[in-house]
Amino acid sequence: YIRKEFQKLEETKGMKIYYPEPILCTDNAAMIAS
């Protein structure tokens, strides 16, 4: 739901919205290495 609502800003406000794939949203070590 949060992703969908933020995504609407691309159409209504001309913004660019990014978010990680689901496995990288919760705690993980790939993000710590990056």
PDB file of all heavy atoms in Angstrom:
ATOM      1  N   TYR A   1       0.831  -1.210   0.000  1.00  0.00           N
ATOM      2  CA  TYR A   1       0.000   0.000   0.000  1.00  0.00           C
ATOM      3  C   TYR A   1       0.864   1.258   0.000  1.00  0.00           C
ATOM      4  O   TYR A   1       0.626   2.194  -0.774  1.00  0.00           O
ATOM      5  CB  TYR A   1      -0.927   0.006   1.216  1.00  0.00           C
ATOM      6  CG  TYR A   1      -1.818   1.231   1.283  1.00  0.00           C
ATOM      7  CD1 TYR A   1      -2.993   1.300   0.540  1.00  0.00           C
ATOM      8  CD2 TYR A   1      -1.475   2.334   2.071  1.00  0.00           C
ATOM      9  CE1 TYR A   1      -3.807   2.424   0.580  1.00  0.00           C
ATOM     10  CE2 TYR A   1      -2.275   3.456   2.119  1.00  0.00           C
ATOM     11  CZ  TYR A   1      -3.440   3.498   1.376  1.00  0.00           C
ATOM     12  OH  TYR A   1      -4.234   4.617   1.421  1.00  0.00           O
ATOM     13  N   ILE A   2       1.879   1.300   0.862  1.00  0.00           N
ATOM     14  CA  ILE A   2       2.757   2.474   0.936  1.00  0.00           C
ATOM     15  C   ILE A   2       3.483   2.678  -0.392  1.00  0.00           C
ATOM     16  O   ILE A   2       3.575   3.793  -0.893  1.00  0.00           O
ATOM     17  CB  ILE A   2       3.750   2.338   2.113  1.00  0.00           C
ATOM     18  CG1 ILE A   2       2.993   2.463   3.448  1.00  0.00           C
ATOM     19  CG2 ILE A   2       4.856   3.389   2.029  1.00  0.00           C
ATOM     20  CD1 ILE A   2       3.835   2.234   4.680  1.00  0.00           C
ATOM     21  N   ARG A   3       3.949   1.600  -0.989  1.00  0.00           N
ATOM     22  CA  ARG A   3       4.624   1.706  -2.292  1.00  0.00           C
ATOM     23  C   ARG A   3       3.669   2.268  -3.348  1.00  0.00           C
ATOM     24  O   ARG A   3       4.042   3.151  -4.128  1.00  0.00           O
ATOM     25  CB  ARG A   3       5.124   0.334  -2.737  1.00  0.00           C
ATOM     26  CG  ARG A   3       6.300  -0.176  -1.932  1.00  0.00           C
ATOM     27  CD  ARG A   3       6.817  -1.484  -2.483  1.00  0.00           C
ATOM     28  NE  ARG A   3       8.011  -1.894  -1.754  1.00  0.00           N
ATOM     29  CZ  ARG A   3       8.966  -2.666  -2.259  1.00  0.00           C
ATOM     30  NH1 ARG A   3       8.867  -3.108  -3.497  1.00  0.00           N
ATOM     31  NH2 ARG A   3      10.018  -3.001  -1.537  1.00  0.00           N
ATOM     32  N   LYS A   4       2.449   1.751  -3.355  1.00  0.00           N
ATOM     33  CA  LYS A   4       1.467   2.184  -4.360  1.00  0.00           C
ATOM     34  C   LYS A   4       1.160   3.665  -4.219  1.00  0.00           C
ATOM     35  O   LYS A   4       1.085   4.400  -5.217  1.00  0.00           O
ATOM     36  CB  LYS A   4       0.188   1.352  -4.208  1.00  0.00           C
ATOM     37  CG  LYS A   4      -0.966   1.757  -5.127  1.00  0.00           C
ATOM     38  CD  LYS A   4      -2.094   0.738  -5.066  1.00  0.00           C
ATOM     39  CE  LYS A   4      -2.740   0.704  -3.700  1.00  0.00           C
ATOM     40  NZ  LYS A   4      -3.669   1.834  -3.451  1.00  0.00           N
ATOM     41  N   GLU A   5       0.988   4.131  -2.973  1.00  0.00           N
ATOM     42  CA  GLU A   5       0.644   5.532  -2.750  1.00  0.00           C
ATOM     43  C   GLU A   5       1.815   6.459  -3.107  1.00  0.00           C
ATOM     44  O   GLU A   5       1.611   7.535  -3.667  1.00  0.00           O
ATOM     45  CB  GLU A   5       0.212   5.739  -1.290  1.00  0.00           C
ATOM     46  CG  GLU A   5      -1.116   5.066  -0.930  1.00  0.00           C
ATOM     47  CD  GLU A   5      -2.255   5.525  -1.823  1.00  0.00           C
ATOM     48  OE1 GLU A   5      -2.522   6.745  -1.881  1.00  0.00           O
ATOM     49  OE2 GLU A   5      -2.884   4.671  -2.478  1.00  0.00           O
ATOM     50  N   PHE A   6       3.028   6.048  -2.769  1.00  0.00           N
ATOM     51  CA  PHE A   6       4.189   6.857  -3.145  1.00  0.00           C
ATOM     52  C   PHE A   6       4.383   6.846  -4.660  1.00  0.00           C
ATOM     53  O   PHE A   6       4.776   7.858  -5.248  1.00  0.00           O
ATOM     54  CB  PHE A   6       5.459   6.355  -2.446  1.00  0.00           C
ATOM     55  CG  PHE A   6       5.745   7.056  -1.146  1.00  0.00           C
ATOM     56  CD1 PHE A   6       5.255   6.567   0.050  1.00  0.00           C
ATOM     57  CD2 PHE A   6       6.495   8.219  -1.121  1.00  0.00           C
ATOM     58  CE1 PHE A   6       5.501   7.218   1.248  1.00  0.00           C
ATOM     59  CE2 PHE A   6       6.764   8.878   0.072  1.00  0.00           C
ATOM     60  CZ  PHE A   6       6.259   8.383   1.261  1.00  0.00           C
ATOM     61  N   GLN A   7       4.103   5.714  -5.286  1.00  0.00           N
ATOM     62  CA  GLN A   7       4.264   5.599  -6.728  1.00  0.00           C
ATOM     63  C   GLN A   7       3.384   6.601  -7.476  1.00  0.00           C
ATOM     64  O   GLN A   7       3.746   7.082  -8.553  1.00  0.00           O
ATOM     65  CB  GLN A   7       3.923   4.171  -7.176  1.00  0.00           C
ATOM     66  CG  GLN A   7       4.578   3.755  -8.486  1.00  0.00           C
ATOM     67  CD  GLN A   7       6.073   3.532  -8.344  1.00  0.00           C
ATOM     68  OE1 GLN A   7       6.524   2.816  -7.469  1.00  0.00           O
ATOM     69  NE2 GLN A   7       6.843   4.168  -9.210  1.00  0.00           N
ATOM     70  N   LYS A   8       2.246   6.927  -6.890  1.00  0.00           N
ATOM     71  CA  LYS A   8       1.329   7.890  -7.513  1.00  0.00           C
ATOM     72  C   LYS A   8       1.983   9.261  -7.690  1.00  0.00           C
ATOM     73  O   LYS A   8       1.591  10.045  -8.563  1.00  0.00           O
ATOM     74  CB  LYS A   8       0.052   8.037  -6.680  1.00  0.00           C
ATOM     75  CG  LYS A   8      -0.859   6.816  -6.714  1.00  0.00           C
ATOM     76  CD  LYS A   8      -2.071   7.028  -5.806  1.00  0.00           C
ATOM     77  CE  LYS A   8      -2.971   5.798  -5.773  1.00  0.00           C
ATOM     78  NZ  LYS A   8      -4.108   5.983  -4.830  1.00  0.00           N
ATOM     79  N   LEU A   9       2.987   9.559  -6.847  1.00  0.00           N
ATOM     80  CA  LEU A   9       3.661  10.855  -6.934  1.00  0.00           C
ATOM     81  C   LEU A   9       4.417  11.011  -8.250  1.00  0.00           C
ATOM     82  O   LEU A   9       4.685  12.127  -8.689  1.00  0.00           O
ATOM     83  CB  LEU A   9       4.619  11.046  -5.750  1.00  0.00           C
ATOM     84  CG  LEU A   9       3.999  11.034  -4.345  1.00  0.00           C
ATOM     85  CD1 LEU A   9       5.079  11.230  -3.298  1.00  0.00           C
ATOM     86  CD2 LEU A   9       2.926  12.103  -4.216  1.00  0.00           C
ATOM     87  N   GLU A  10       4.781   9.889  -8.867  1.00  0.00           N
ATOM     88  CA  GLU A  10       5.462   9.978 -10.168  1.00  0.00           C
ATOM     89  C   GLU A  10       4.518  10.565 -11.212  1.00  0.00           C
ATOM     90  O   GLU A  10       4.928  11.354 -12.065  1.00  0.00           O
ATOM     91  CB  GLU A  10       5.948   8.590 -10.602  1.00  0.00           C
ATOM     92  CG  GLU A  10       7.075   8.069  -9.735  1.00  0.00           C
ATOM     93  CD  GLU A  10       7.840   6.926 -10.368  1.00  0.00           C
ATOM     94  OE1 GLU A  10       7.284   6.223 -11.237  1.00  0.00           O
ATOM     95  OE2 GLU A  10       9.009   6.727  -9.987  1.00  0.00           O
ATOM     96  N   GLU A  11       3.238  10.179 -11.125  1.00  0.00           N
ATOM     97  CA  GLU A  11       2.256  10.667 -12.097  1.00  0.00           C
ATOM     98  C   GLU A  11       1.746  12.058 -11.747  1.00  0.00           C
ATOM     99  O   GLU A  11       1.592  12.915 -12.620  1.00  0.00           O
ATOM    100  CB  GLU A  11       1.073   9.691 -12.174  1.00  0.00           C
ATOM    101  CG  GLU A  11       1.452   8.280 -12.591  1.00  0.00           C
ATOM    102  CD  GLU A  11       0.317   7.293 -12.377  1.00  0.00           C
ATOM    103  OE1 GLU A  11      -0.820   7.740 -12.140  1.00  0.00           O
ATOM    104  OE2 GLU A  11       0.575   6.079 -12.439  1.00  0.00           O
ATOM    105  N   THR A  12       1.489  12.286 -10.448  1.00  0.00           N
ATOM    106  CA  THR A  12       0.848  13.549 -10.050  1.00  0.00           C
ATOM    107  C   THR A  12       1.827  14.682  -9.807  1.00  0.00           C
ATOM    108  O   THR A  12       1.491  15.856  -9.976  1.00  0.00           O
ATOM    109  CB  THR A  12       0.006  13.337  -8.773  1.00  0.00           C
ATOM    110  OG1 THR A  12       0.870  12.900  -7.703  1.00  0.00           O
ATOM    111  CG2 THR A  12      -1.077  12.299  -8.996  1.00  0.00           C
ATOM    112  N   LYS A  13       3.074  14.352  -9.407  1.00  0.00           N
ATOM    113  CA  LYS A  13       4.043  15.398  -9.042  1.00  0.00           C
ATOM    114  C   LYS A  13       5.316  15.365  -9.878  1.00  0.00           C
ATOM    115  O   LYS A  13       6.227  16.155  -9.641  1.00  0.00           O
ATOM    116  CB  LYS A  13       4.421  15.265  -7.553  1.00  0.00           C
ATOM    117  CG  LYS A  13       3.237  15.321  -6.590  1.00  0.00           C
ATOM    118  CD  LYS A  13       2.636  16.712  -6.525  1.00  0.00           C
ATOM    119  CE  LYS A  13       1.512  16.778  -5.491  1.00  0.00           C
ATOM    120  NZ  LYS A  13       0.900  18.126  -5.434  1.00  0.00           N
ATOM    121  N   GLY A  14       5.397  14.423 -10.814  1.00  0.00           N
ATOM    122  CA  GLY A  14       6.603  14.334 -11.646  1.00  0.00           C
ATOM    123  C   GLY A  14       7.833  13.926 -10.876  1.00  0.00           C
ATOM    124  O   GLY A  14       8.963  14.278 -11.233  1.00  0.00           O
ATOM    125  N   MET A  15       7.646  13.158  -9.796  1.00  0.00           N
ATOM    126  CA  MET A  15       8.778  12.744  -8.966  1.00  0.00           C
ATOM    127  C   MET A  15       9.265  11.366  -9.389  1.00  0.00           C
ATOM    128  O   MET A  15       8.598  10.656 -10.147  1.00  0.00           O
ATOM    129  CB  MET A  15       8.361  12.740  -7.495  1.00  0.00           C
ATOM    130  CG  MET A  15       7.770  14.068  -7.060  1.00  0.00           C
ATOM    131  SD  MET A  15       7.444  14.150  -5.304  1.00  0.00           S
ATOM    132  CE  MET A  15       9.091  14.397  -4.700  1.00  0.00           C
ATOM    133  N   LYS A  16      10.445  10.986  -8.885  1.00  0.00           N
ATOM    134  CA  LYS A  16      10.986   9.652  -9.132  1.00  0.00           C
ATOM    135  C   LYS A  16      11.049   8.927  -7.797  1.00  0.00           C
ATOM    136  O   LYS A  16      11.678   9.422  -6.843  1.00  0.00           O
ATOM    137  CB  LYS A  16      12.377   9.755  -9.765  1.00  0.00           C
ATOM    138  CG  LYS A  16      12.946   8.419 -10.213  1.00  0.00           C
ATOM    139  CD  LYS A  16      12.134   7.795 -11.317  1.00  0.00           C
ATOM    140  CE  LYS A  16      12.718   6.443 -11.731  1.00  0.00           C
ATOM    141  NZ  LYS A  16      11.836   5.708 -12.641  1.00  0.00           N
ATOM    142  N   ILE A  17      10.388   7.753  -7.695  1.00  0.00           N
ATOM    143  CA  ILE A  17      10.315   7.001  -6.446  1.00  0.00           C
ATOM    144  C   ILE A  17      11.082   5.696  -6.586  1.00  0.00           C
ATOM    145  O   ILE A  17      10.884   4.938  -7.547  1.00  0.00           O
ATOM    146  CB  ILE A  17       8.847   6.690  -6.065  1.00  0.00           C
ATOM    147  CG1 ILE A  17       7.997   7.968  -6.065  1.00  0.00           C
ATOM    148  CG2 ILE A  17       8.793   5.986  -4.708  1.00  0.00           C
ATOM    149  CD1 ILE A  17       8.423   9.029  -5.083  1.00  0.00           C
ATOM    150  N   TYR A  18      11.966   5.436  -5.629  1.00  0.00           N
ATOM    151  CA  TYR A  18      12.732   4.188  -5.595  1.00  0.00           C
ATOM    152  C   TYR A  18      12.416   3.428  -4.314  1.00  0.00           C
ATOM    153  O   TYR A  18      12.112   4.030  -3.284  1.00  0.00           O
ATOM    154  CB  TYR A  18      14.237   4.473  -5.631  1.00  0.00           C
ATOM    155  CG  TYR A  18      14.739   5.097  -6.909  1.00  0.00           C
ATOM    156  CD1 TYR A  18      14.889   6.479  -7.022  1.00  0.00           C
ATOM    157  CD2 TYR A  18      15.084   4.303  -8.005  1.00  0.00           C
ATOM    158  CE1 TYR A  18      15.365   7.055  -8.195  1.00  0.00           C
ATOM    159  CE2 TYR A  18      15.566   4.865  -9.179  1.00  0.00           C
ATOM    160  CZ  TYR A  18      15.693   6.247  -9.269  1.00  0.00           C
ATOM    161  OH  TYR A  18      16.163   6.804 -10.422  1.00  0.00           O
ATOM    162  N   TYR A  19      12.510   2.111  -4.393  1.00  0.00           N
ATOM    163  CA  TYR A  19      12.459   1.283  -3.179  1.00  0.00           C
ATOM    164  C   TYR A  19      13.161  -0.034  -3.485  1.00  0.00           C
ATOM    165  O   TYR A  19      13.181  -0.492  -4.633  1.00  0.00           O
ATOM    166  CB  TYR A  19      11.029   1.046  -2.692  1.00  0.00           C
ATOM    167  CG  TYR A  19      10.003   0.804  -3.769  1.00  0.00           C
ATOM    168  CD1 TYR A  19       9.910  -0.428  -4.421  1.00  0.00           C
ATOM    169  CD2 TYR A  19       9.121   1.818  -4.148  1.00  0.00           C
ATOM    170  CE1 TYR A  19       8.976  -0.650  -5.407  1.00  0.00           C
ATOM    171  CE2 TYR A  19       8.190   1.608  -5.151  1.00  0.00           C
ATOM    172  CZ  TYR A  19       8.112   0.359  -5.768  1.00  0.00           C
ATOM    173  OH  TYR A  19       7.185   0.154  -6.766  1.00  0.00           O
ATOM    174  N   PRO A  20      13.747  -0.666  -2.471  1.00  0.00           N
ATOM    175  CA  PRO A  20      14.503  -1.902  -2.714  1.00  0.00           C
ATOM    176  C   PRO A  20      13.565  -3.070  -2.992  1.00  0.00           C
ATOM    177  O   PRO A  20      12.381  -3.028  -2.651  1.00  0.00           O
ATOM    178  CB  PRO A  20      15.267  -2.127  -1.401  1.00  0.00           C
ATOM    179  CG  PRO A  20      15.101  -0.868  -0.606  1.00  0.00           C
ATOM    180  CD  PRO A  20      13.824  -0.246  -1.062  1.00  0.00           C
ATOM    181  N   GLU A  21      14.114  -4.129  -3.583  1.00  0.00           N
ATOM    182  CA  GLU A  21      13.327  -5.355  -3.686  1.00  0.00           C
ATOM    183  C   GLU A  21      13.047  -5.845  -2.263  1.00  0.00           C
ATOM    184  O   GLU A  21      13.805  -5.551  -1.321  1.00  0.00           O
ATOM    185  CB  GLU A  21      14.077  -6.400  -4.500  1.00  0.00           C
ATOM    186  CG  GLU A  21      15.450  -6.772  -3.968  1.00  0.00           C
ATOM    187  CD  GLU A  21      16.195  -7.680  -4.936  1.00  0.00           C
ATOM    188  OE1 GLU A  21      15.728  -8.811  -5.145  1.00  0.00           O
ATOM    189  OE2 GLU A  21      17.232  -7.246  -5.472  1.00  0.00           O
ATOM    190  N   PRO A  22      11.940  -6.595  -2.056  1.00  0.00           N
ATOM    191  CA  PRO A  22      11.504  -6.948  -0.688  1.00  0.00           C
ATOM    192  C   PRO A  22      12.573  -7.568   0.207  1.00  0.00           C
ATOM    193  O   PRO A  22      12.664  -7.234   1.383  1.00  0.00           O
ATOM    194  CB  PRO A  22      10.351  -7.923  -0.943  1.00  0.00           C
ATOM    195  CG  PRO A  22       9.779  -7.471  -2.249  1.00  0.00           C
ATOM    196  CD  PRO A  22      10.957  -7.019  -3.068  1.00  0.00           C
ATOM    197  N   ILE A  23      13.406  -8.454  -0.325  1.00  0.00           N
ATOM    198  CA  ILE A  23      14.425  -9.124   0.496  1.00  0.00           C
ATOM    199  C   ILE A  23      15.437  -8.131   1.060  1.00  0.00           C
ATOM    200  O   ILE A  23      16.078  -8.376   2.084  1.00  0.00           O
ATOM    201  CB  ILE A  23      15.150 -10.227  -0.321  1.00  0.00           C
ATOM    202  CG1 ILE A  23      16.005 -11.123   0.588  1.00  0.00           C
ATOM    203  CG2 ILE A  23      15.997  -9.618  -1.426  1.00  0.00           C
ATOM    204  CD1 ILE A  23      15.234 -11.974   1.530  1.00  0.00           C
ATOM    205  N   LEU A  24      15.571  -6.960   0.404  1.00  0.00           N
ATOM    206  CA  LEU A  24      16.514  -5.941   0.867  1.00  0.00           C
ATOM    207  C   LEU A  24      15.852  -4.872   1.732  1.00  0.00           C
ATOM    208  O   LEU A  24      16.521  -3.949   2.197  1.00  0.00           O
ATOM    209  CB  LEU A  24      17.201  -5.276  -0.329  1.00  0.00           C
ATOM    210  CG  LEU A  24      18.081  -6.189  -1.195  1.00  0.00           C
ATOM    211  CD1 LEU A  24      18.595  -5.445  -2.412  1.00  0.00           C
ATOM    212  CD2 LEU A  24      19.235  -6.762  -0.382  1.00  0.00           C
ATOM    213  N   CYS A  25      14.534  -4.983   1.945  1.00  0.00           N
ATOM    214  CA  CYS A  25      13.837  -4.026   2.817  1.00  0.00           C
ATOM    215  C   CYS A  25      14.041  -4.383   4.286  1.00  0.00           C
ATOM    216  O   CYS A  25      14.280  -3.517   5.124  1.00  0.00           O
ATOM    217  CB  CYS A  25      12.342  -4.004   2.493  1.00  0.00           C
ATOM    218  SG  CYS A  25      11.947  -3.266   0.904  1.00  0.00           S
ATOM    219  N   THR A  26      13.897  -5.670   4.600  1.00  0.00           N
ATOM    220  CA  THR A  26      14.118  -6.109   5.970  1.00  0.00           C
ATOM    221  C   THR A  26      15.625  -6.196   6.228  1.00  0.00           C
ATOM    222  O   THR A  26      16.433  -6.041   5.319  1.00  0.00           O
ATOM    223  CB  THR A  26      13.450  -7.477   6.209  1.00  0.00           C
ATOM    224  OG1 THR A  26      13.884  -8.390   5.198  1.00  0.00           O
ATOM    225  CG2 THR A  26      11.938  -7.349   6.142  1.00  0.00           C
ATOM    226  N   ASP A  27      16.003  -6.448   7.474  1.00  0.00           N
ATOM    227  CA  ASP A  27      17.421  -6.459   7.830  1.00  0.00           C
ATOM    228  C   ASP A  27      18.179  -7.522   7.029  1.00  0.00           C
ATOM    229  O   ASP A  27      17.750  -8.684   6.954  1.00  0.00           O
ATOM    230  CB  ASP A  27      17.589  -6.726   9.327  1.00  0.00           C
ATOM    231  CG  ASP A  27      17.077  -5.575  10.180  1.00  0.00           C
ATOM    232  OD1 ASP A  27      16.802  -4.501   9.620  1.00  0.00           O
ATOM    233  OD2 ASP A  27      16.946  -5.758  11.408  1.00  0.00           O
ATOM    234  N   ASN A  28      19.288  -7.125   6.449  1.00  0.00           N
ATOM    235  CA  ASN A  28      20.115  -8.024   5.655  1.00  0.00           C
ATOM    236  C   ASN A  28      21.545  -7.497   5.648  1.00  0.00           C
ATOM    237  O   ASN A  28      21.797  -6.359   6.038  1.00  0.00           O
ATOM    238  CB  ASN A  28      19.565  -8.148   4.232  1.00  0.00           C
ATOM    239  CG  ASN A  28      19.661  -6.845   3.459  1.00  0.00           C
ATOM    240  OD1 ASN A  28      20.663  -6.565   2.809  1.00  0.00           O
ATOM    241  ND2 ASN A  28      18.622  -6.000   3.559  1.00  0.00           N
ATOM    242  N   ALA A  29      22.467  -8.320   5.213  1.00  0.00           N
ATOM    243  CA  ALA A  29      23.877  -7.913   5.245  1.00  0.00           C
ATOM    244  C   ALA A  29      24.354  -7.323   3.929  1.00  0.00           C
ATOM    245  O   ALA A  29      25.379  -6.646   3.894  1.00  0.00           O
ATOM    246  CB  ALA A  29      24.752  -9.108   5.626  1.00  0.00           C
ATOM    247  N   ALA A  30      23.609  -7.544   2.832  1.00  0.00           N
ATOM    248  CA  ALA A  30      24.017  -6.956   1.559  1.00  0.00           C
ATOM    249  C   ALA A  30      24.008  -5.434   1.663  1.00  0.00           C
ATOM    250  O   ALA A  30      24.913  -4.754   1.157  1.00  0.00           O
ATOM    251  CB  ALA A  30      23.087  -7.425   0.442  1.00  0.00           C
ATOM    252  N   MET A  31      23.006  -4.892   2.345  1.00  0.00           N
ATOM    253  CA  MET A  31      22.922  -3.436   2.489  1.00  0.00           C
ATOM    254  C   MET A  31      24.074  -2.908   3.352  1.00  0.00           C
ATOM    255  O   MET A  31      24.577  -1.800   3.128  1.00  0.00           O
ATOM    256  CB  MET A  31      21.576  -3.034   3.101  1.00  0.00           C
ATOM    257  CG  MET A  31      21.375  -3.440   4.546  1.00  0.00           C
ATOM    258  SD  MET A  31      19.709  -3.023   5.144  1.00  0.00           S
ATOM    259  CE  MET A  31      19.956  -3.158   6.942  1.00  0.00           C
ATOM    260  N   ILE A  32      24.517  -3.705   4.323  1.00  0.00           N
ATOM    261  CA  ILE A  32      25.628  -3.306   5.197  1.00  0.00           C
ATOM    262  C   ILE A  32      26.947  -3.348   4.413  1.00  0.00           C
ATOM    263  O   ILE A  32      27.813  -2.486   4.590  1.00  0.00           O
ATOM    264  CB  ILE A  32      25.704  -4.226   6.443  1.00  0.00           C
ATOM    265  CG1 ILE A  32      24.388  -4.142   7.243  1.00  0.00           C
ATOM    266  CG2 ILE A  32      26.898  -3.859   7.319  1.00  0.00           C
ATOM    267  CD1 ILE A  32      23.996  -2.740   7.680  1.00  0.00           C
ATOM    268  N   ALA A  33      27.073  -4.325   3.531  1.00  0.00           N
ATOM    269  CA  ALA A  33      28.266  -4.388   2.680  1.00  0.00           C
ATOM    270  C   ALA A  33      28.283  -3.217   1.701  1.00  0.00           C
ATOM    271  O   ALA A  33      29.339  -2.626   1.448  1.00  0.00           O
ATOM    272  CB  ALA A  33      28.288  -5.715   1.928  1.00  0.00           C
ATOM    273  N   SER A  34      27.112  -2.875   1.145  1.00  0.00           N
ATOM    274  CA  SER A  34      27.041  -1.757   0.200  1.00  0.00           C
ATOM    275  C   SER A  34      27.406  -0.443   0.877  1.00  0.00           C
ATOM    276  O   SER A  34      28.224   0.326   0.360  1.00  0.00           O
ATOM    277  CB  SER A  34      25.637  -1.668  -0.399  1.00  0.00           C
ATOM    278  OG  SER A  34      25.532  -0.551  -1.259  1.00  0.00           O
TER     279      SER A  34
END
